[in-house]
PDB file of N, CA and C in Angstrom:
ATOM      1  N   MET A   1      16.586  -6.294 102.768  1.00  0.00           N
ATOM      2  CA  MET A   1      17.181  -7.102 103.800  1.00  0.00           C
ATOM      3  C   MET A   1      18.189  -6.261 104.572  1.00  0.00           C
ATOM      4  N   PRO A   2      18.058  -6.245 105.879  1.00  0.00           N
ATOM      5  CA  PRO A   2      18.932  -5.406 106.702  1.00  0.00           C
ATOM      6  C   PRO A   2      20.304  -6.024 106.959  1.00  0.00           C
ATOM      7  N   THR A   3      21.202  -5.170 107.383  1.00  0.00           N
ATOM      8  CA  THR A   3      22.536  -5.590 107.791  1.00  0.00           C
ATOM      9  C   THR A   3      22.584  -5.532 109.314  1.00  0.00           C
ATOM     10  N   TYR A   4      22.939  -6.648 109.930  1.00  0.00           N
ATOM     11  CA  TYR A   4      23.007  -6.731 111.390  1.00  0.00           C
ATOM     12  C   TYR A   4      24.458  -6.696 111.852  1.00  0.00           C
ATOM     13  N   GLU A   5      24.671  -6.091 113.005  1.00  0.00           N
ATOM     14  CA  GLU A   5      26.000  -6.055 113.620  1.00  0.00           C
ATOM     15  C   GLU A   5      26.049  -7.113 114.719  1.00  0.00           C
ATOM     16  N   TYR A   6      27.168  -7.833 114.757  1.00  0.00           N
ATOM     17  CA  TYR A   6      27.368  -8.867 115.762  1.00  0.00           C
ATOM     18  C   TYR A   6      28.684  -8.629 116.483  1.00  0.00           C
ATOM     19  N   ALA A   7      28.745  -9.073 117.752  1.00  0.00           N
ATOM     20  CA  ALA A   7      29.973  -9.020 118.539  1.00  0.00           C
ATOM     21  C   ALA A   7      30.106 -10.327 119.299  1.00  0.00           C
ATOM     22  N   CYS A   8      31.306 -10.872 119.275  1.00  0.00           N
ATOM     23  CA  CYS A   8      31.580 -12.111 120.009  1.00  0.00           C
ATOM     24  C   CYS A   8      31.973 -11.745 121.437  1.00  0.00           C
ATOM     25  N   GLN A   9      31.302 -12.362 122.397  1.00  0.00           N
ATOM     26  CA  GLN A   9      31.605 -12.090 123.794  1.00  0.00           C
ATOM     27  C   GLN A   9      32.844 -12.850 124.262  1.00  0.00           C
ATOM     28  N   LYS A  10      33.282 -13.826 123.480  1.00  0.00           N
ATOM     29  CA  LYS A  10      34.461 -14.634 123.857  1.00  0.00           C
ATOM     30  C   LYS A  10      35.771 -13.972 123.404  1.00  0.00           C
ATOM     31  N   CYS A  11      35.833 -13.577 122.108  1.00  0.00           N
ATOM     32  CA  CYS A  11      37.092 -13.034 121.567  1.00  0.00           C
ATOM     33  C   CYS A  11      37.022 -11.540 121.246  1.00  0.00           C
ATOM     34  N   GLY A  12      35.819 -10.949 121.269  1.00  0.00           N
ATOM     35  CA  GLY A  12      35.688  -9.518 121.015  1.00  0.00           C
ATOM     36  C   GLY A  12      35.578  -9.136 119.543  1.00  0.00           C
ATOM     37  N   HIS A  13      35.548 -10.119 118.641  1.00  0.00           N
ATOM     38  CA  HIS A  13      35.442  -9.864 117.201  1.00  0.00           C
ATOM     39  C   HIS A  13      34.082  -9.253 116.876  1.00  0.00           C
ATOM     40  N   THR A  14      34.072  -8.183 116.097  1.00  0.00           N
ATOM     41  CA  THR A  14      32.820  -7.563 115.663  1.00  0.00           C
ATOM     42  C   THR A  14      32.759  -7.603 114.144  1.00  0.00           C
ATOM     43  N   PHE A  15      31.545  -7.787 113.605  1.00  0.00           N
ATOM     44  CA  PHE A  15      31.347  -7.837 112.157  1.00  0.00           C
ATOM     45  C   PHE A  15      29.893  -7.546 111.839  1.00  0.00           C
ATOM     46  N   GLU A  16      29.633  -7.334 110.543  1.00  0.00           N
ATOM     47  CA  GLU A  16      28.283  -7.094 110.058  1.00  0.00           C
ATOM     48  C   GLU A  16      27.855  -8.267 109.192  1.00  0.00           C
ATOM     49  N   GLN A  17      26.568  -8.615 109.252  1.00  0.00           N
ATOM     50  CA  GLN A  17      26.045  -9.727 108.458  1.00  0.00           C
ATOM     51  C   GLN A  17      24.756  -9.288 107.775  1.00  0.00           C
ATOM     52  N   PHE A  18      24.694  -9.466 106.467  1.00  0.00           N
ATOM     53  CA  PHE A  18      23.518  -9.147 105.670  1.00  0.00           C
ATOM     54  C   PHE A  18      22.611 -10.369 105.688  1.00  0.00           C
ATOM     55  N   GLN A  19      21.428 -10.255 106.316  1.00  0.00           N
ATOM     56  CA  GLN A  19      20.523 -11.390 106.406  1.00  0.00           C
ATOM     57  C   GLN A  19      19.080 -10.920 106.503  1.00  0.00           C
ATOM     58  N   SER A  20      18.165 -11.826 106.234  1.00  0.00           N
ATOM     59  CA  SER A  20      16.741 -11.531 106.263  1.00  0.00           C
ATOM     60  C   SER A  20      16.275 -11.248 107.688  1.00  0.00           C
ATOM     61  N   MET A  21      15.188 -10.516 107.792  1.00  0.00           N
ATOM     62  CA  MET A  21      14.622 -10.228 109.112  1.00  0.00           C
ATOM     63  C   MET A  21      14.062 -11.492 109.765  1.00  0.00           C
ATOM     64  N   HIS A  22      13.728 -12.478 108.945  1.00  0.00           N
ATOM     65  CA  HIS A  22      13.137 -13.710 109.455  1.00  0.00           C
ATOM     66  C   HIS A  22      14.188 -14.741 109.858  1.00  0.00           C
ATOM     67  N   ASP A  23      15.450 -14.521 109.489  1.00  0.00           N
ATOM     68  CA  ASP A  23      16.518 -15.453 109.860  1.00  0.00           C
ATOM     69  C   ASP A  23      16.805 -15.375 111.353  1.00  0.00           C
ATOM     70  N   ALA A  24      17.186 -16.510 111.908  1.00  0.00           N
ATOM     71  CA  ALA A  24      17.561 -16.560 113.328  1.00  0.00           C
ATOM     72  C   ALA A  24      18.917 -15.872 113.512  1.00  0.00           C
ATOM     73  N   PRO A  25      19.140 -15.248 114.664  1.00  0.00           N
ATOM     74  CA  PRO A  25      20.441 -14.624 114.919  1.00  0.00           C
ATOM     75  C   PRO A  25      21.565 -15.652 114.885  1.00  0.00           C
ATOM     76  N   LEU A  26      22.737 -15.224 114.432  1.00  0.00           N
ATOM     77  CA  LEU A  26      23.894 -16.107 114.405  1.00  0.00           C
ATOM     78  C   LEU A  26      24.367 -16.387 115.832  1.00  0.00           C
ATOM     79  N   LYS A  27      24.927 -17.573 116.037  1.00  0.00           N
ATOM     80  CA  LYS A  27      25.377 -17.955 117.378  1.00  0.00           C
ATOM     81  C   LYS A  27      26.869 -18.253 117.427  1.00  0.00           C
ATOM     82  N   LYS A  28      27.450 -18.698 116.308  1.00  0.00           N
ATOM     83  CA  LYS A  28      28.849 -19.133 116.284  1.00  0.00           C
ATOM     84  C   LYS A  28      29.719 -18.052 115.643  1.00  0.00           C
ATOM     85  N   CYS A  29      30.789 -17.666 116.324  1.00  0.00           N
ATOM     86  CA  CYS A  29      31.709 -16.641 115.846  1.00  0.00           C
ATOM     87  C   CYS A  29      32.535 -17.185 114.678  1.00  0.00           C
ATOM     88  N   PRO A  30      32.616 -16.441 113.566  1.00  0.00           N
ATOM     89  CA  PRO A  30      33.425 -16.922 112.439  1.00  0.00           C
ATOM     90  C   PRO A  30      34.931 -16.826 112.709  1.00  0.00           C
ATOM     91  N   GLU A  31      35.340 -16.066 113.708  1.00  0.00           N
ATOM     92  CA  GLU A  31      36.761 -15.871 114.021  1.00  0.00           C
ATOM     93  C   GLU A  31      37.287 -16.972 114.952  1.00  0.00           C
ATOM     94  N   CYS A  32      36.655 -17.123 116.116  1.00  0.00           N
ATOM     95  CA  CYS A  32      37.147 -18.095 117.108  1.00  0.00           C
ATOM     96  C   CYS A  32      36.368 -19.406 117.095  1.00  0.00           C
ATOM     97  N   LYS A  33      35.276 -19.449 116.326  1.00  0.00           N
ATOM     98  CA  LYS A  33      34.442 -20.663 116.171  1.00  0.00           C
ATOM     99  C   LYS A  33      33.755 -21.102 117.454  1.00  0.00           C
ATOM    100  N   LYS A  34      33.599 -20.194 118.411  1.00  0.00           N
ATOM    101  CA  LYS A  34      32.925 -20.517 119.670  1.00  0.00           C
ATOM    102  C   LYS A  34      31.527 -19.908 119.665  1.00  0.00           C
ATOM    103  N   LEU A  35      30.662 -20.488 120.503  1.00  0.00           N
ATOM    104  CA  LEU A  35      29.326 -19.942 120.672  1.00  0.00           C
ATOM    105  C   LEU A  35      29.413 -18.756 121.630  1.00  0.00           C
ATOM    106  N   GLY A  36      28.809 -17.648 121.295  1.00  0.00           N
ATOM    107  CA  GLY A  36      28.865 -16.479 122.164  1.00  0.00           C
ATOM    108  C   GLY A  36      28.628 -15.177 121.415  1.00  0.00           C
ATOM    109  N   LEU A  37      28.043 -15.270 120.221  1.00  0.00           N
ATOM    110  CA  LEU A  37      27.739 -14.049 119.467  1.00  0.00           C
ATOM    111  C   LEU A  37      26.529 -13.347 120.052  1.00  0.00           C
ATOM    112  N   LYS A  38      26.556 -12.049 119.977  1.00  0.00           N
ATOM    113  CA  LYS A  38      25.429 -11.245 120.424  1.00  0.00           C
ATOM    114  C   LYS A  38      25.122 -10.234 119.323  1.00  0.00           C
ATOM    115  N   ARG A  39      23.839 -10.150 118.946  1.00  0.00           N
ATOM    116  CA  ARG A  39      23.423  -9.174 117.935  1.00  0.00           C
ATOM    117  C   ARG A  39      23.344  -7.807 118.591  1.00  0.00           C
ATOM    118  N   LEU A  40      24.012  -6.828 117.992  1.00  0.00           N
ATOM    119  CA  LEU A  40      24.022  -5.473 118.534  1.00  0.00           C
ATOM    120  C   LEU A  40      22.893  -4.649 117.941  1.00  0.00           C
ATOM    121  N   ILE A  41      22.494  -3.633 118.663  1.00  0.00           N
ATOM    122  CA  ILE A  41      21.477  -2.712 118.168  1.00  0.00           C
ATOM    123  C   ILE A  41      22.205  -1.594 117.443  1.00  0.00           C
ATOM    124  N   GLY A  42      21.966  -1.487 116.142  1.00  0.00           N
ATOM    125  CA  GLY A  42      22.642  -0.477 115.333  1.00  0.00           C
ATOM    126  C   GLY A  42      21.733   0.697 115.038  1.00  0.00           C
ATOM    127  N   GLY A  43      22.328   1.764 114.574  1.00  0.00           N
ATOM    128  CA  GLY A  43      21.571   2.962 114.229  1.00  0.00           C
ATOM    129  C   GLY A  43      20.920   2.892 112.874  1.00  0.00           C
ATOM    130  N   GLY A  44      21.343   1.945 112.045  1.00  0.00           N
ATOM    131  CA  GLY A  44      20.776   1.831 110.712  1.00  0.00           C
ATOM    132  C   GLY A  44      21.519   2.706 109.715  1.00  0.00           C
ATOM    133  N   ALA A  45      21.209   2.499 108.473  1.00  0.00           N
ATOM    134  CA  ALA A  45      21.906   3.207 107.397  1.00  0.00           C
ATOM    135  C   ALA A  45      21.208   4.504 107.023  1.00  0.00           C
ATOM    136  N   GLY A  46      20.036   4.709 107.502  1.00  0.00           N
ATOM    137  CA  GLY A  46      19.308   5.916 107.145  1.00  0.00           C
ATOM    138  C   GLY A  46      18.356   5.656 105.993  1.00  0.00           C
ATOM    139  N   LEU A  47      17.667   6.673 105.606  1.00  0.00           N
ATOM    140  CA  LEU A  47      16.661   6.586 104.574  1.00  0.00           C
ATOM    141  C   LEU A  47      17.258   7.005 103.246  1.00  0.00           C
ATOM    142  N   ILE A  48      17.109   6.182 102.234  1.00  0.00           N
ATOM    143  CA  ILE A  48      17.653   6.490 100.914  1.00  0.00           C
ATOM    144  C   ILE A  48      16.493   6.594  99.935  1.00  0.00           C
ATOM    145  N   PHE A  49      16.364   7.740  99.299  1.00  0.00           N
ATOM    146  CA  PHE A  49      15.332   7.944  98.298  1.00  0.00           C
ATOM    147  C   PHE A  49      15.940   7.753  96.922  1.00  0.00           C
ATOM    148  N   LYS A  50      15.306   6.927  96.113  1.00  0.00           N
ATOM    149  CA  LYS A  50      15.772   6.722  94.747  1.00  0.00           C
ATOM    150  C   LYS A  50      14.677   7.201  93.803  1.00  0.00           C
ATOM    151  N   GLY A  51      15.077   7.623  92.646  1.00  0.00           N
ATOM    152  CA  GLY A  51      14.108   8.093  91.668  1.00  0.00           C
ATOM    153  C   GLY A  51      14.515   9.443  91.136  1.00  0.00           C
ATOM    154  N   SER A  52      13.533  10.254  90.832  1.00  0.00           N
ATOM    155  CA  SER A  52      13.818  11.552  90.226  1.00  0.00           C
ATOM    156  C   SER A  52      14.309  12.568  91.241  1.00  0.00           C
ATOM    157  N   GLY A  53      14.156  12.325  92.514  1.00  0.00           N
ATOM    158  CA  GLY A  53      14.663  13.229  93.543  1.00  0.00           C
ATOM    159  C   GLY A  53      13.651  14.281  93.936  1.00  0.00           C
ATOM    160  N   PHE A  54      13.973  15.021  94.983  1.00  0.00           N
ATOM    161  CA  PHE A  54      13.082  16.067  95.464  1.00  0.00           C
ATOM    162  C   PHE A  54      13.316  17.378  94.742  1.00  0.00           C
ATOM    163  N   TYR A  55      14.541  17.620  94.361  1.00  0.00           N
ATOM    164  CA  TYR A  55      14.881  18.859  93.685  1.00  0.00           C
ATOM    165  C   TYR A  55      15.405  18.538  92.301  1.00  0.00           C
ATOM    166  N   ILE A  56      15.189  19.396  91.366  1.00  0.00           N
ATOM    167  CA  ILE A  56      15.620  19.181  89.989  1.00  0.00           C
ATOM    168  C   ILE A  56      17.139  19.071  89.902  1.00  0.00           C
ATOM    169  N   THR A  57      17.858  19.719  90.816  1.00  0.00           N
ATOM    170  CA  THR A  57      19.326  19.696  90.759  1.00  0.00           C
ATOM    171  C   THR A  57      19.922  18.473  91.437  1.00  0.00           C
ATOM    172  N   ASP A  58      19.139  17.692  92.186  1.00  0.00           N
ATOM    173  CA  ASP A  58      19.664  16.521  92.878  1.00  0.00           C
ATOM    174  C   ASP A  58      20.114  15.435  91.903  1.00  0.00           C
ATOM    175  N   TYR A  59      19.277  15.116  90.959  1.00  0.00           N
ATOM    176  CA  TYR A  59      19.580  14.062  90.001  1.00  0.00           C
ATOM    177  C   TYR A  59      19.406  14.649  88.611  1.00  0.00           C
ATOM    178  N   LYS A  60      20.478  15.142  88.076  1.00  0.00           N
ATOM    179  CA  LYS A  60      20.455  15.821  86.788  1.00  0.00           C
ATOM    180  C   LYS A  60      20.208  14.804  85.675  1.00  0.00           C
ATOM    181  N   LYS A  61      19.210  15.099  84.837  1.00  0.00           N
ATOM    182  CA  LYS A  61      18.901  14.226  83.722  1.00  0.00           C
ATOM    183  C   LYS A  61      19.855  14.516  82.582  1.00  0.00           C
ATOM    184  N   LYS A  62      20.268  13.480  81.894  1.00  0.00           N
ATOM    185  CA  LYS A  62      21.150  13.642  80.746  1.00  0.00           C
ATOM    186  C   LYS A  62      20.270  13.750  79.500  1.00  0.00           C
ATOM    187  N   SER A  63      20.090  14.966  79.014  1.00  0.00           N
ATOM    188  CA  SER A  63      19.309  15.179  77.804  1.00  0.00           C
ATOM    189  C   SER A  63      20.162  15.943  76.806  1.00  0.00           C
ATOM    190  N   GLY A  64      19.750  15.949  75.553  1.00  0.00           N
ATOM    191  CA  GLY A  64      20.547  16.525  74.484  1.00  0.00           C
ATOM    192  C   GLY A  64      20.744  18.024  74.576  1.00  0.00           C
ATOM    193  N   GLY A  65      19.672  18.818  74.563  1.00  0.00           N
ATOM    194  CA  GLY A  65      19.818  20.266  74.441  1.00  0.00           C
ATOM    195  C   GLY A  65      19.959  21.017  75.745  1.00  0.00           C
ATOM    196  N   ASP A  66      19.362  20.536  76.804  1.00  0.00           N
ATOM    197  CA  ASP A  66      19.360  21.274  78.068  1.00  0.00           C
ATOM    198  C   ASP A  66      20.616  20.947  78.866  1.00  0.00           C
ATOM    199  N   SER A  67      21.360  21.979  79.240  1.00  0.00           N
ATOM    200  CA  SER A  67      22.578  21.757  80.017  1.00  0.00           C
ATOM    201  C   SER A  67      22.262  21.574  81.492  1.00  0.00           C
ATOM    202  N   GLY A  68      21.115  22.057  81.963  1.00  0.00           N
ATOM    203  CA  GLY A  68      20.717  21.893  83.347  1.00  0.00           C
ATOM    204  C   GLY A  68      21.395  22.853  84.303  1.00  0.00           C
ATOM    205  N   GLY A  69      22.258  23.709  83.811  1.00  0.00           N
ATOM    206  CA  GLY A  69      22.965  24.648  84.673  1.00  0.00           C
ATOM    207  C   GLY A  69      22.149  25.892  84.924  1.00  0.00           C
ATOM    208  N   GLU A  70      22.713  26.792  85.706  1.00  0.00           N
ATOM    209  CA  GLU A  70      22.024  28.041  85.994  1.00  0.00           C
ATOM    210  C   GLU A  70      22.119  28.974  84.797  1.00  0.00           C
ATOM    211  N   LYS A  71      21.083  29.769  84.626  1.00  0.00           N
ATOM    212  CA  LYS A  71      21.077  30.733  83.532  1.00  0.00           C
ATOM    213  C   LYS A  71      21.704  32.036  84.012  1.00  0.00           C
ATOM    214  N   PRO A  72      22.294  32.823  83.106  1.00  0.00           N
ATOM    215  CA  PRO A  72      22.888  34.089  83.513  1.00  0.00           C
ATOM    216  C   PRO A  72      21.831  35.030  84.099  1.00  0.00           C
ATOM    217  N   SER A  73      22.283  35.896  84.990  1.00  0.00           N
ATOM    218  CA  SER A  73      21.338  36.774  85.669  1.00  0.00           C
ATOM    219  C   SER A  73      20.867  37.920  84.765  1.00  0.00           C
ATOM    220  N   THR A  74      21.620  38.236  83.730  1.00  0.00           N
ATOM    221  CA  THR A  74      21.219  39.311  82.825  1.00  0.00           C
ATOM    222  C   THR A  74      20.857  38.722  81.475  1.00  0.00           C
ATOM    223  N   PRO A  75      19.847  39.251  80.813  1.00  0.00           N
ATOM    224  CA  PRO A  75      19.480  38.761  79.485  1.00  0.00           C
ATOM    225  C   PRO A  75      20.612  39.011  78.491  1.00  0.00           C
ATOM    226  N   LYS A  76      20.624  38.254  77.385  1.00  0.00           N
ATOM    227  CA  LYS A  76      21.687  38.364  76.393  1.00  0.00           C
ATOM    228  C   LYS A  76      21.711  39.731  75.729  1.00  0.00           C
ATOM    229  N   SER A  77      20.539  40.339  75.521  1.00  0.00           N
ATOM    230  CA  SER A  77      20.504  41.639  74.851  1.00  0.00           C
ATOM    231  C   SER A  77      21.196  42.715  75.695  1.00  0.00           C
ATOM    232  N   GLU A  78      21.050  42.653  77.019  1.00  0.00           N
ATOM    233  CA  GLU A  78      21.725  43.622  77.874  1.00  0.00           C
ATOM    234  C   GLU A  78      23.229  43.361  77.922  1.00  0.00           C
ATOM    235  N   SER A  79      23.629  42.087  77.888  1.00  0.00           N
ATOM    236  CA  SER A  79      25.047  41.758  77.944  1.00  0.00           C
ATOM    237  C   SER A  79      25.777  42.307  76.735  1.00  0.00           C
ATOM    238  N   LYS A  80      25.199  42.195  75.544  1.00  0.00           N
ATOM    239  CA  LYS A  80      25.829  42.700  74.336  1.00  0.00           C
ATOM    240  C   LYS A  80      25.892  44.220  74.366  1.00  0.00           C
ATOM    241  N   ALA A  81      24.832  44.851  74.854  1.00  0.00           N
ATOM    242  CA  ALA A  81      24.807  46.315  74.917  1.00  0.00           C
ATOM    243  C   ALA A  81      25.837  46.834  75.903  1.00  0.00           C
ATOM    244  N   ASP A  82      26.028  46.129  77.023  1.00  0.00           N
ATOM    245  CA  ASP A  82      26.993  46.552  78.022  1.00  0.00           C
ATOM    246  C   ASP A  82      28.418  46.356  77.512  1.00  0.00           C
ATOM    247  N   ALA A  83      28.638  45.351  76.693  1.00  0.00           N
ATOM    248  CA  ALA A  83      29.993  45.044  76.225  1.00  0.00           C
ATOM    249  C   ALA A  83      30.494  46.074  75.227  1.00  0.00           C
ATOM    250  N   LYS A  84      29.625  46.645  74.376  1.00  0.00           N
ATOM    251  CA  LYS A  84      30.080  47.594  73.360  1.00  0.00           C
ATOM    252  C   LYS A  84      30.620  48.886  73.953  1.00  0.00           C
ATOM    253  N   PRO A  85      29.916  49.541  74.911  1.00  0.00           N
ATOM    254  CA  PRO A  85      30.493  50.774  75.461  1.00  0.00           C
ATOM    255  C   PRO A  85      31.797  50.513  76.221  1.00  0.00           C
ATOM    256  N   ALA A  86      31.929  49.367  76.826  1.00  0.00           N
ATOM    257  CA  ALA A  86      33.151  49.068  77.564  1.00  0.00           C
ATOM    258  C   ALA A  86      34.332  48.921  76.618  1.00  0.00           C
ATOM    259  N   ALA A  87      34.104  48.440  75.399  1.00  0.00           N
ATOM    260  CA  ALA A  87      35.167  48.278  74.420  1.00  0.00           C
ATOM    261  C   ALA A  87      35.627  49.628  73.875  1.00  0.00           C
ATOM    262  N   ASN A  88      34.734  50.647  73.880  1.00  0.00           N
ATOM    263  CA  ASN A  88      35.068  51.963  73.341  1.00  0.00           C
ATOM    264  C   ASN A  88      35.891  52.794  74.328  1.00  0.00           C
ATOM    265  N   LYS A  89      35.943  52.452  75.547  1.00  0.00           N
ATOM    266  CA  LYS A  89      36.645  53.252  76.567  1.00  0.00           C
ATOM    267  C   LYS A  89      38.114  53.121  76.481  1.00  0.00           C
TER     268      LYS A  89
END
């Protein structure tokens, strides 16, 4: 169900109303109680995708063992080998 924007031509009050597409447009202003509402043409809220997402990093799954983060660029065996000579210096 879309959200419609309305503006009163009598008092200038603007508001949004959540209603079905099949409902008739509102006519009476909730602020001044006069007839003179006009439904405005809005840009819409945009497209919202729900679910698992397009990319694995968009919606991170909460699982036990996998942290989901990036892995180091160097393998562990090279990291340990690089650390020992640096400690001897």
